[in-house]
Amino acid sequence: RNYQARNMLRDDFRKGDLAFIYHSSADELGIAGTMQV
């Protein structure tokens, strides 16, 4: 629900892109793995 993030999802994300899954608002902040669009 942020327009800048929405615009990236809408305009820049492509099938096959890779992303880190980052845990925020947690006891241990950080990157927990990878995922693919």
PDB file of all heavy atoms in Angstrom:
ATOM      1  N   ARG A   1       0.820  -1.207   0.000  1.00  0.00           N
ATOM      2  CA  ARG A   1       0.000   0.000   0.000  1.00  0.00           C
ATOM      3  C   ARG A   1       0.862   1.269   0.000  1.00  0.00           C
ATOM      4  O   ARG A   1       0.585   2.235   0.675  1.00  0.00           O
ATOM      5  CB  ARG A   1      -0.962   0.006   1.200  1.00  0.00           C
ATOM      6  CG  ARG A   1      -2.014  -1.106   1.146  1.00  0.00           C
ATOM      7  CD  ARG A   1      -2.927  -0.955  -0.057  1.00  0.00           C
ATOM      8  NE  ARG A   1      -3.970  -1.953  -0.126  1.00  0.00           N
ATOM      9  CZ  ARG A   1      -3.901  -3.092  -0.794  1.00  0.00           C
ATOM     10  NH1 ARG A   1      -2.796  -3.408  -1.445  1.00  0.00           N
ATOM     11  NH2 ARG A   1      -4.915  -3.937  -0.817  1.00  0.00           N
ATOM     12  N   ASN A   2       1.903   1.226  -0.774  1.00  0.00           N
ATOM     13  CA  ASN A   2       2.769   2.375  -0.989  1.00  0.00           C
ATOM     14  C   ASN A   2       2.873   2.541  -2.502  1.00  0.00           C
ATOM     15  O   ASN A   2       3.140   1.569  -3.215  1.00  0.00           O
ATOM     16  CB  ASN A   2       4.148   2.113  -0.363  1.00  0.00           C
ATOM     17  CG  ASN A   2       5.165   3.160  -0.734  1.00  0.00           C
ATOM     18  OD1 ASN A   2       5.688   3.167  -1.855  1.00  0.00           O
ATOM     19  ND2 ASN A   2       5.468   4.038   0.201  1.00  0.00           N
ATOM     20  N   TYR A   3       2.660   3.762  -2.991  1.00  0.00           N
ATOM     21  CA  TYR A   3       2.613   3.967  -4.437  1.00  0.00           C
ATOM     22  C   TYR A   3       3.939   3.676  -5.129  1.00  0.00           C
ATOM     23  O   TYR A   3       3.960   3.124  -6.230  1.00  0.00           O
ATOM     24  CB  TYR A   3       2.127   5.378  -4.767  1.00  0.00           C
ATOM     25  CG  TYR A   3       0.661   5.549  -4.493  1.00  0.00           C
ATOM     26  CD1 TYR A   3       0.226   6.283  -3.402  1.00  0.00           C
ATOM     27  CD2 TYR A   3      -0.293   4.954  -5.308  1.00  0.00           C
ATOM     28  CE1 TYR A   3      -1.130   6.428  -3.132  1.00  0.00           C
ATOM     29  CE2 TYR A   3      -1.648   5.087  -5.050  1.00  0.00           C
ATOM     30  CZ  TYR A   3      -2.060   5.829  -3.963  1.00  0.00           C
ATOM     31  OH  TYR A   3      -3.392   5.963  -3.697  1.00  0.00           O
ATOM     32  N   GLN A   4       5.053   4.031  -4.507  1.00  0.00           N
ATOM     33  CA  GLN A   4       6.348   3.770  -5.128  1.00  0.00           C
ATOM     34  C   GLN A   4       6.591   2.259  -5.242  1.00  0.00           C
ATOM     35  O   GLN A   4       7.029   1.772  -6.291  1.00  0.00           O
ATOM     36  CB  GLN A   4       7.460   4.447  -4.334  1.00  0.00           C
ATOM     37  CG  GLN A   4       8.796   4.422  -5.038  1.00  0.00           C
ATOM     38  CD  GLN A   4       9.860   5.223  -4.287  1.00  0.00           C
ATOM     39  OE1 GLN A   4       9.607   5.844  -3.275  1.00  0.00           O
ATOM     40  NE2 GLN A   4      11.077   5.181  -4.800  1.00  0.00           N
ATOM     41  N   ALA A   5       6.294   1.514  -4.175  1.00  0.00           N
ATOM     42  CA  ALA A   5       6.440   0.055  -4.215  1.00  0.00           C
ATOM     43  C   ALA A   5       5.448  -0.548  -5.209  1.00  0.00           C
ATOM     44  O   ALA A   5       5.796  -1.468  -5.967  1.00  0.00           O
ATOM     45  CB  ALA A   5       6.239  -0.531  -2.820  1.00  0.00           C
ATOM     46  N   ARG A   6       4.225  -0.038  -5.228  1.00  0.00           N
ATOM     47  CA  ARG A   6       3.219  -0.515  -6.188  1.00  0.00           C
ATOM     48  C   ARG A   6       3.707  -0.326  -7.616  1.00  0.00           C
ATOM     49  O   ARG A   6       3.557  -1.206  -8.471  1.00  0.00           O
ATOM     50  CB  ARG A   6       1.915   0.248  -5.968  1.00  0.00           C
ATOM     51  CG  ARG A   6       0.706  -0.184  -6.796  1.00  0.00           C
ATOM     52  CD  ARG A   6       0.373   0.538  -8.075  1.00  0.00           C
ATOM     53  NE  ARG A   6       0.730   1.895  -8.260  1.00  0.00           N
ATOM     54  CZ  ARG A   6      -0.120   2.910  -8.291  1.00  0.00           C
ATOM     55  NH1 ARG A   6      -1.413   2.725  -8.078  1.00  0.00           N
ATOM     56  NH2 ARG A   6       0.308   4.135  -8.553  1.00  0.00           N
ATOM     57  N   ASN A   7       4.293   0.839  -7.900  1.00  0.00           N
ATOM     58  CA  ASN A   7       4.770   1.114  -9.250  1.00  0.00           C
ATOM     59  C   ASN A   7       5.869   0.138  -9.668  1.00  0.00           C
ATOM     60  O   ASN A   7       5.919  -0.287 -10.823  1.00  0.00           O
ATOM     61  CB  ASN A   7       5.258   2.553  -9.360  1.00  0.00           C
ATOM     62  CG  ASN A   7       4.119   3.550  -9.249  1.00  0.00           C
ATOM     63  OD1 ASN A   7       2.941   3.191  -9.291  1.00  0.00           O
ATOM     64  ND2 ASN A   7       4.457   4.806  -9.077  1.00  0.00           N
ATOM     65  N   MET A   8       6.744  -0.222  -8.730  1.00  0.00           N
ATOM     66  CA  MET A   8       7.772  -1.213  -9.054  1.00  0.00           C
ATOM     67  C   MET A   8       7.136  -2.568  -9.362  1.00  0.00           C
ATOM     68  O   MET A   8       7.506  -3.223 -10.343  1.00  0.00           O
ATOM     69  CB  MET A   8       8.780  -1.337  -7.904  1.00  0.00           C
ATOM     70  CG  MET A   8       9.757  -0.201  -7.847  1.00  0.00           C
ATOM     71  SD  MET A   8      11.042  -0.450  -6.612  1.00  0.00           S
ATOM     72  CE  MET A   8      10.288   0.326  -5.198  1.00  0.00           C
ATOM     73  N   LEU A   9       6.173  -2.984  -8.527  1.00  0.00           N
ATOM     74  CA  LEU A   9       5.484  -4.254  -8.789  1.00  0.00           C
ATOM     75  C   LEU A   9       4.822  -4.227 -10.163  1.00  0.00           C
ATOM     76  O   LEU A   9       4.918  -5.183 -10.937  1.00  0.00           O
ATOM     77  CB  LEU A   9       4.410  -4.514  -7.729  1.00  0.00           C
ATOM     78  CG  LEU A   9       4.848  -4.978  -6.363  1.00  0.00           C
ATOM     79  CD1 LEU A   9       3.661  -5.044  -5.417  1.00  0.00           C
ATOM     80  CD2 LEU A   9       5.532  -6.334  -6.433  1.00  0.00           C
ATOM     81  N   ARG A  10       4.153  -3.140 -10.461  1.00  0.00           N
ATOM     82  CA  ARG A  10       3.374  -3.021 -11.695  1.00  0.00           C
ATOM     83  C   ARG A  10       4.252  -2.866 -12.935  1.00  0.00           C
ATOM     84  O   ARG A  10       4.008  -3.496 -13.966  1.00  0.00           O
ATOM     85  CB  ARG A  10       2.438  -1.815 -11.573  1.00  0.00           C
ATOM     86  CG  ARG A  10       1.499  -1.604 -12.750  1.00  0.00           C
ATOM     87  CD  ARG A  10       0.791  -0.284 -12.666  1.00  0.00           C
ATOM     88  NE  ARG A  10       1.781   0.797 -12.813  1.00  0.00           N
ATOM     89  CZ  ARG A  10       1.579   2.039 -12.379  1.00  0.00           C
ATOM     90  NH1 ARG A  10       0.454   2.355 -11.766  1.00  0.00           N
ATOM     91  NH2 ARG A  10       2.512   2.958 -12.550  1.00  0.00           N
ATOM     92  N   ASP A  11       5.294  -2.031 -12.827  1.00  0.00           N
ATOM     93  CA  ASP A  11       6.045  -1.632 -14.012  1.00  0.00           C
ATOM     94  C   ASP A  11       7.366  -2.365 -14.209  1.00  0.00           C
ATOM     95  O   ASP A  11       7.849  -2.466 -15.334  1.00  0.00           O
ATOM     96  CB  ASP A  11       6.340  -0.127 -13.965  1.00  0.00           C
ATOM     97  CG  ASP A  11       5.083   0.723 -13.871  1.00  0.00           C
ATOM     98  OD1 ASP A  11       4.000   0.260 -14.294  1.00  0.00           O
ATOM     99  OD2 ASP A  11       5.189   1.859 -13.369  1.00  0.00           O
ATOM    100  N   ASP A  12       7.969  -2.861 -13.130  1.00  0.00           N
ATOM    101  CA  ASP A  12       9.334  -3.379 -13.222  1.00  0.00           C
ATOM    102  C   ASP A  12       9.483  -4.864 -12.940  1.00  0.00           C
ATOM    103  O   ASP A  12      10.438  -5.477 -13.404  1.00  0.00           O
ATOM    104  CB  ASP A  12      10.246  -2.597 -12.268  1.00  0.00           C
ATOM    105  CG  ASP A  12      10.252  -1.107 -12.571  1.00  0.00           C
ATOM    106  OD1 ASP A  12      10.156  -0.728 -13.758  1.00  0.00           O
ATOM    107  OD2 ASP A  12      10.333  -0.307 -11.613  1.00  0.00           O
ATOM    108  N   PHE A  13       8.584  -5.429 -12.156  1.00  0.00           N
ATOM    109  CA  PHE A  13       8.676  -6.858 -11.842  1.00  0.00           C
ATOM    110  C   PHE A  13       8.301  -7.681 -13.064  1.00  0.00           C
ATOM    111  O   PHE A  13       7.332  -7.369 -13.752  1.00  0.00           O
ATOM    112  CB  PHE A  13       7.731  -7.229 -10.696  1.00  0.00           C
ATOM    113  CG  PHE A  13       8.324  -7.081  -9.325  1.00  0.00           C
ATOM    114  CD1 PHE A  13       8.776  -5.858  -8.868  1.00  0.00           C
ATOM    115  CD2 PHE A  13       8.407  -8.172  -8.477  1.00  0.00           C
ATOM    116  CE1 PHE A  13       9.314  -5.716  -7.604  1.00  0.00           C
ATOM    117  CE2 PHE A  13       8.954  -8.049  -7.205  1.00  0.00           C
ATOM    118  CZ  PHE A  13       9.409  -6.821  -6.765  1.00  0.00           C
ATOM    119  N   ARG A  14       9.078  -8.733 -13.306  1.00  0.00           N
ATOM    120  CA  ARG A  14       8.823  -9.637 -14.418  1.00  0.00           C
ATOM    121  C   ARG A  14       8.876 -11.078 -13.923  1.00  0.00           C
ATOM    122  O   ARG A  14       9.614 -11.403 -12.989  1.00  0.00           O
ATOM    123  CB  ARG A  14       9.878  -9.467 -15.515  1.00  0.00           C
ATOM    124  CG  ARG A  14       9.943  -8.076 -16.117  1.00  0.00           C
ATOM    125  CD  ARG A  14       8.738  -7.809 -17.014  1.00  0.00           C
ATOM    126  NE  ARG A  14       8.769  -6.468 -17.546  1.00  0.00           N
ATOM    127  CZ  ARG A  14       8.080  -5.432 -17.060  1.00  0.00           C
ATOM    128  NH1 ARG A  14       7.309  -5.588 -15.996  1.00  0.00           N
ATOM    129  NH2 ARG A  14       8.148  -4.248 -17.616  1.00  0.00           N
ATOM    130  N   LYS A  15       8.109 -11.917 -14.586  1.00  0.00           N
ATOM    131  CA  LYS A  15       8.170 -13.350 -14.301  1.00  0.00           C
ATOM    132  C   LYS A  15       9.621 -13.794 -14.469  1.00  0.00           C
ATOM    133  O   LYS A  15      10.273 -13.452 -15.455  1.00  0.00           O
ATOM    134  CB  LYS A  15       7.249 -14.099 -15.260  1.00  0.00           C
ATOM    135  CG  LYS A  15       7.144 -15.568 -14.984  1.00  0.00           C
ATOM    136  CD  LYS A  15       6.145 -16.221 -15.925  1.00  0.00           C
ATOM    137  CE  LYS A  15       6.097 -17.708 -15.661  1.00  0.00           C
ATOM    138  NZ  LYS A  15       5.145 -18.375 -16.558  1.00  0.00           N
ATOM    139  N   GLY A  16      10.121 -14.516 -13.469  1.00  0.00           N
ATOM    140  CA  GLY A  16      11.503 -14.985 -13.493  1.00  0.00           C
ATOM    141  C   GLY A  16      12.442 -14.164 -12.626  1.00  0.00           C
ATOM    142  O   GLY A  16      13.537 -14.624 -12.298  1.00  0.00           O
ATOM    143  N   ASP A  17      12.033 -12.937 -12.263  1.00  0.00           N
ATOM    144  CA  ASP A  17      12.854 -12.132 -11.360  1.00  0.00           C
ATOM    145  C   ASP A  17      13.036 -12.865 -10.036  1.00  0.00           C
ATOM    146  O   ASP A  17      12.174 -13.643  -9.619  1.00  0.00           O
ATOM    147  CB  ASP A  17      12.196 -10.774 -11.081  1.00  0.00           C
ATOM    148  CG  ASP A  17      12.298  -9.801 -12.234  1.00  0.00           C
ATOM    149  OD1 ASP A  17      12.925 -10.126 -13.260  1.00  0.00           O
ATOM    150  OD2 ASP A  17      11.728  -8.692 -12.111  1.00  0.00           O
ATOM    151  N   LEU A  18      14.141 -12.572  -9.360  1.00  0.00           N
ATOM    152  CA  LEU A  18      14.428 -13.171  -8.061  1.00  0.00           C
ATOM    153  C   LEU A  18      14.382 -12.110  -6.976  1.00  0.00           C
ATOM    154  O   LEU A  18      14.680 -10.939  -7.238  1.00  0.00           O
ATOM    155  CB  LEU A  18      15.807 -13.832  -8.073  1.00  0.00           C
ATOM    156  CG  LEU A  18      15.952 -15.026  -9.012  1.00  0.00           C
ATOM    157  CD1 LEU A  18      17.411 -15.485  -9.065  1.00  0.00           C
ATOM    158  CD2 LEU A  18      15.053 -16.172  -8.590  1.00  0.00           C
ATOM    159  N   ALA A  19      14.003 -12.530  -5.774  1.00  0.00           N
ATOM    160  CA  ALA A  19      13.897 -11.591  -4.656  1.00  0.00           C
ATOM    161  C   ALA A  19      14.363 -12.251  -3.372  1.00  0.00           C
ATOM    162  O   ALA A  19      14.172 -13.453  -3.162  1.00  0.00           O
ATOM    163  CB  ALA A  19      12.447 -11.121  -4.489  1.00  0.00           C
ATOM    164  N   PHE A  20      14.971 -11.432  -2.525  1.00  0.00           N
ATOM    165  CA  PHE A  20      15.245 -11.849  -1.163  1.00  0.00           C
ATOM    166  C   PHE A  20      13.969 -11.647  -0.361  1.00  0.00           C
ATOM    167  O   PHE A  20      13.265 -10.652  -0.543  1.00  0.00           O
ATOM    168  CB  PHE A  20      16.348 -10.999  -0.524  1.00  0.00           C
ATOM    169  CG  PHE A  20      17.726 -11.260  -1.050  1.00  0.00           C
ATOM    170  CD1 PHE A  20      18.478 -10.235  -1.594  1.00  0.00           C
ATOM    171  CD2 PHE A  20      18.293 -12.528  -0.977  1.00  0.00           C
ATOM    172  CE1 PHE A  20      19.757 -10.456  -2.063  1.00  0.00           C
ATOM    173  CE2 PHE A  20      19.576 -12.764  -1.443  1.00  0.00           C
ATOM    174  CZ  PHE A  20      20.314 -11.723  -1.995  1.00  0.00           C
ATOM    175  N   ILE A  21      13.659 -12.583   0.523  1.00  0.00           N
ATOM    176  CA  ILE A  21      12.565 -12.396   1.468  1.00  0.00           C
ATOM    177  C   ILE A  21      13.200 -11.916   2.775  1.00  0.00           C
ATOM    178  O   ILE A  21      14.040 -12.603   3.358  1.00  0.00           O
ATOM    179  CB  ILE A  21      11.697 -13.671   1.638  1.00  0.00           C
ATOM    180  CG1 ILE A  21      10.514 -13.391   2.554  1.00  0.00           C
ATOM    181  CG2 ILE A  21      12.505 -14.851   2.085  1.00  0.00           C
ATOM    182  CD1 ILE A  21       9.454 -14.478   2.535  1.00  0.00           C
ATOM    183  N   TYR A  22      12.826 -10.704   3.160  1.00  0.00           N
ATOM    184  CA  TYR A  22      13.446 -10.023   4.292  1.00  0.00           C
ATOM    185  C   TYR A  22      12.442  -9.930   5.430  1.00  0.00           C
ATOM    186  O   TYR A  22      11.345  -9.399   5.248  1.00  0.00           O
ATOM    187  CB  TYR A  22      13.884  -8.622   3.860  1.00  0.00           C
ATOM    188  CG  TYR A  22      14.528  -7.812   4.960  1.00  0.00           C
ATOM    189  CD1 TYR A  22      15.902  -7.864   5.155  1.00  0.00           C
ATOM    190  CD2 TYR A  22      13.772  -7.008   5.799  1.00  0.00           C
ATOM    191  CE1 TYR A  22      16.503  -7.124   6.163  1.00  0.00           C
ATOM    192  CE2 TYR A  22      14.364  -6.267   6.810  1.00  0.00           C
ATOM    193  CZ  TYR A  22      15.729  -6.330   6.991  1.00  0.00           C
ATOM    194  OH  TYR A  22      16.325  -5.597   7.980  1.00  0.00           O
ATOM    195  N   HIS A  23      12.814 -10.436   6.587  1.00  0.00           N
ATOM    196  CA  HIS A  23      11.949 -10.377   7.765  1.00  0.00           C
ATOM    197  C   HIS A  23      12.162  -9.045   8.482  1.00  0.00           C
ATOM    198  O   HIS A  23      13.254  -8.754   8.961  1.00  0.00           O
ATOM    199  CB  HIS A  23      12.230 -11.541   8.704  1.00  0.00           C
ATOM    200  CG  HIS A  23      11.705 -12.843   8.207  1.00  0.00           C
ATOM    201  ND1 HIS A  23      11.979 -14.032   8.830  1.00  0.00           N
ATOM    202  CD2 HIS A  23      10.909 -13.154   7.156  1.00  0.00           C
ATOM    203  CE1 HIS A  23      11.373 -15.018   8.180  1.00  0.00           C
ATOM    204  NE2 HIS A  23      10.729 -14.501   7.153  1.00  0.00           N
ATOM    205  N   SER A  24      11.096  -8.256   8.551  1.00  0.00           N
ATOM    206  CA  SER A  24      11.129  -6.975   9.266  1.00  0.00           C
ATOM    207  C   SER A  24      10.194  -7.066  10.465  1.00  0.00           C
ATOM    208  O   SER A  24       9.427  -8.023  10.590  1.00  0.00           O
ATOM    209  CB  SER A  24      10.702  -5.834   8.338  1.00  0.00           C
ATOM    210  OG  SER A  24       9.356  -5.989   7.944  1.00  0.00           O
ATOM    211  N   SER A  25      10.271  -6.083  11.337  1.00  0.00           N
ATOM    212  CA  SER A  25       9.434  -6.066  12.543  1.00  0.00           C
ATOM    213  C   SER A  25       9.487  -7.416  13.263  1.00  0.00           C
ATOM    214  O   SER A  25       8.461  -8.002  13.591  1.00  0.00           O
ATOM    215  CB  SER A  25       7.986  -5.699  12.191  1.00  0.00           C
ATOM    216  OG  SER A  25       7.927  -4.422  11.617  1.00  0.00           O
ATOM    217  N   ALA A  26      10.705  -7.877  13.460  1.00  0.00           N
ATOM    218  CA  ALA A  26      10.911  -9.184  14.088  1.00  0.00           C
ATOM    219  C   ALA A  26      12.072  -9.094  15.068  1.00  0.00           C
ATOM    220  O   ALA A  26      12.822  -8.122  15.069  1.00  0.00           O
ATOM    221  CB  ALA A  26      11.218 -10.227  13.014  1.00  0.00           C
ATOM    222  N   ASP A  27      12.216 -10.122  15.890  1.00  0.00           N
ATOM    223  CA  ASP A  27      13.351 -10.169  16.812  1.00  0.00           C
ATOM    224  C   ASP A  27      14.669 -10.221  16.052  1.00  0.00           C
ATOM    225  O   ASP A  27      15.667  -9.654  16.478  1.00  0.00           O
ATOM    226  CB  ASP A  27      13.245 -11.384  17.736  1.00  0.00           C
ATOM    227  CG  ASP A  27      12.090 -11.263  18.715  1.00  0.00           C
ATOM    228  OD1 ASP A  27      11.669 -10.123  19.005  1.00  0.00           O
ATOM    229  OD2 ASP A  27      11.604 -12.306  19.179  1.00  0.00           O
ATOM    230  N   GLU A  28      14.660 -10.931  14.928  1.00  0.00           N
ATOM    231  CA  GLU A  28      15.863 -11.072  14.112  1.00  0.00           C
ATOM    232  C   GLU A  28      15.571 -10.506  12.719  1.00  0.00           C
ATOM    233  O   GLU A  28      14.967 -11.169  11.878  1.00  0.00           O
ATOM    234  CB  GLU A  28      16.275 -12.548  14.028  1.00  0.00           C
ATOM    235  CG  GLU A  28      17.605 -12.773  13.382  1.00  0.00           C
ATOM    236  CD  GLU A  28      18.064 -14.212  13.508  1.00  0.00           C
ATOM    237  OE1 GLU A  28      17.254 -15.122  13.255  1.00  0.00           O
ATOM    238  OE2 GLU A  28      19.235 -14.418  13.864  1.00  0.00           O
ATOM    239  N   LEU A  29      15.975  -9.261  12.493  1.00  0.00           N
ATOM    240  CA  LEU A  29      15.789  -8.614  11.198  1.00  0.00           C
ATOM    241  C   LEU A  29      16.797  -9.160  10.214  1.00  0.00           C
ATOM    242  O   LEU A  29      17.990  -9.250  10.535  1.00  0.00           O
ATOM    243  CB  LEU A  29      15.989  -7.102  11.320  1.00  0.00           C
ATOM    244  CG  LEU A  29      15.127  -6.359  12.324  1.00  0.00           C
ATOM    245  CD1 LEU A  29      15.547  -4.897  12.381  1.00  0.00           C
ATOM    246  CD2 LEU A  29      13.664  -6.483  11.969  1.00  0.00           C
ATOM    247  N   GLY A  30      16.340  -9.529   9.015  1.00  0.00           N
ATOM    248  CA  GLY A  30      17.304  -9.980   8.033  1.00  0.00           C
ATOM    249  C   GLY A  30      16.690 -10.794   6.910  1.00  0.00           C
ATOM    250  O   GLY A  30      15.476 -10.992   6.835  1.00  0.00           O
ATOM    251  N   ILE A  31      17.570 -11.263   6.047  1.00  0.00           N
ATOM    252  CA  ILE A  31      17.181 -12.005   4.853  1.00  0.00           C
ATOM    253  C   ILE A  31      17.089 -13.491   5.199  1.00  0.00           C
ATOM    254  O   ILE A  31      18.047 -14.089   5.691  1.00  0.00           O
ATOM    255  CB  ILE A  31      18.193 -11.767   3.718  1.00  0.00           C
ATOM    256  CG1 ILE A  31      18.224 -10.274   3.356  1.00  0.00           C
ATOM    257  CG2 ILE A  31      17.851 -12.623   2.505  1.00  0.00           C
ATOM    258  CD1 ILE A  31      19.333  -9.886   2.397  1.00  0.00           C
ATOM    259  N   ALA A  32      15.907 -14.055   4.932  1.00  0.00           N
ATOM    260  CA  ALA A  32      15.633 -15.435   5.333  1.00  0.00           C
ATOM    261  C   ALA A  32      15.665 -16.422   4.169  1.00  0.00           C
ATOM    262  O   ALA A  32      15.640 -17.628   4.388  1.00  0.00           O
ATOM    263  CB  ALA A  32      14.279 -15.517   6.028  1.00  0.00           C
ATOM    264  N   GLY A  33      15.700 -15.910   2.934  1.00  0.00           N
ATOM    265  CA  GLY A  33      15.712 -16.817   1.794  1.00  0.00           C
ATOM    266  C   GLY A  33      15.522 -16.076   0.492  1.00  0.00           C
ATOM    267  O   GLY A  33      15.544 -14.844   0.454  1.00  0.00           O
ATOM    268  N   THR A  34      15.343 -16.865  -0.570  1.00  0.00           N
ATOM    269  CA  THR A  34      15.096 -16.298  -1.895  1.00  0.00           C
ATOM    270  C   THR A  34      13.796 -16.843  -2.453  1.00  0.00           C
ATOM    271  O   THR A  34      13.363 -17.948  -2.115  1.00  0.00           O
ATOM    272  CB  THR A  34      16.238 -16.617  -2.877  1.00  0.00           C
ATOM    273  OG1 THR A  34      16.331 -18.028  -3.053  1.00  0.00           O
ATOM    274  CG2 THR A  34      17.564 -16.041  -2.401  1.00  0.00           C
ATOM    275  N   MET A  35      13.197 -16.050  -3.316  1.00  0.00           N
ATOM    276  CA  MET A  35      11.977 -16.465  -4.001  1.00  0.00           C
ATOM    277  C   MET A  35      12.022 -15.946  -5.427  1.00  0.00           C
ATOM    278  O   MET A  35      12.818 -15.065  -5.758  1.00  0.00           O
ATOM    279  CB  MET A  35      10.731 -15.985  -3.256  1.00  0.00           C
ATOM    280  CG  MET A  35      10.692 -14.543  -2.918  1.00  0.00           C
ATOM    281  SD  MET A  35       9.371 -14.211  -1.714  1.00  0.00           S
ATOM    282  CE  MET A  35       9.594 -12.442  -1.558  1.00  0.00           C
ATOM    283  N   GLN A  36      11.164 -16.512  -6.263  1.00  0.00           N
ATOM    284  CA  GLN A  36      11.112 -16.132  -7.665  1.00  0.00           C
ATOM    285  C   GLN A  36       9.720 -15.642  -8.005  1.00  0.00           C
ATOM    286  O   GLN A  36       8.718 -16.195  -7.523  1.00  0.00           O
ATOM    287  CB  GLN A  36      11.473 -17.317  -8.552  1.00  0.00           C
ATOM    288  CG  GLN A  36      11.547 -16.984 -10.022  1.00  0.00           C
ATOM    289  CD  GLN A  36      12.174 -18.105 -10.817  1.00  0.00           C
ATOM    290  OE1 GLN A  36      11.996 -19.279 -10.520  1.00  0.00           O
ATOM    291  NE2 GLN A  36      12.919 -17.746 -11.848  1.00  0.00           N
ATOM    292  N   VAL A  37       9.653 -14.614  -8.834  1.00  0.00           N
ATOM    293  CA  VAL A  37       8.360 -14.128  -9.324  1.00  0.00           C
ATOM    294  C   VAL A  37       7.869 -15.130 -10.363  1.00  0.00           C
ATOM    295  O   VAL A  37       8.555 -15.392 -11.354  1.00  0.00           O
ATOM    296  CB  VAL A  37       8.488 -12.711  -9.936  1.00  0.00           C
ATOM    297  CG1 VAL A  37       7.156 -12.257 -10.512  1.00  0.00           C
ATOM    298  CG2 VAL A  37       9.012 -11.730  -8.900  1.00  0.00           C
TER     299      VAL A  37
END
